[in-house]
Amino acid sequence: MSKWENSISYPDFHRLILFSDFFNVSLDGFMKGEQIVISHL
C-alpha cells in the first residue's frame, strides 16, 4: 500500500486535481468518495 493509502503522507494539491480530472469526478467527490468511478478498460 502507498503512503497515501496508509495516511502517512498525502499527494500535493495539483496531483489531486489531475486525479479528479482523469476519473472525471469533482475534487470534492474524489476526496470524499461520494461518486462511483467506473473504469472502461
Protein backbone atom coordinates (compact mmCIF):
# COMPACT_ATOMS: atom_id res chain seq x y z
CA MET A 1 0.00 0.00 0.00
CA SER A 2 1.10 3.55 -0.64
CA LYS A 3 1.90 6.17 1.98
CA TRP A 4 -1.28 7.98 0.90
CA GLU A 5 -3.42 4.87 1.47
CA ASN A 6 -1.80 4.40 4.89
CA SER A 7 -2.38 8.06 5.88
CA ILE A 8 1.37 8.63 6.30
CA SER A 9 1.52 11.37 3.66
CA TYR A 10 -0.75 12.95 1.08
CA PRO A 11 -0.30 13.91 -2.58
CA ASP A 12 0.12 17.57 -3.44
CA PHE A 13 -2.97 19.56 -4.41
CA HIS A 14 -2.03 19.73 -8.09
CA ARG A 15 -1.85 15.93 -8.26
CA LEU A 16 -5.29 15.62 -6.64
CA ILE A 17 -6.74 17.87 -9.33
CA LEU A 18 -5.12 15.73 -12.04
CA PHE A 19 -6.58 12.57 -10.48
CA SER A 20 -10.08 14.05 -10.26
CA ASP A 21 -9.87 15.19 -13.89
CA PHE A 22 -8.61 11.78 -15.02
CA PHE A 23 -11.53 10.00 -13.32
CA ASN A 24 -13.97 12.74 -14.41
CA VAL A 25 -15.26 13.46 -10.89
CA SER A 26 -15.30 16.65 -8.87
CA LEU A 27 -12.41 17.21 -6.49
CA ASP A 28 -14.86 17.10 -3.59
CA GLY A 29 -16.36 13.83 -4.81
CA PHE A 30 -12.91 12.38 -5.41
CA MET A 31 -11.69 13.20 -1.91
CA LYS A 32 -14.89 12.17 -0.13
CA GLY A 33 -15.52 9.11 -2.30
CA GLU A 34 -19.14 10.07 -2.90
CA GLN A 35 -19.13 9.18 -6.58
CA ILE A 36 -18.65 5.76 -8.13
CA VAL A 37 -15.83 5.59 -10.64
CA ILE A 38 -16.30 3.01 -13.40
CA SER A 39 -13.23 2.03 -15.38
CA HIS A 40 -13.63 1.16 -19.05
CA LEU A 41 -10.59 -0.91 -19.97
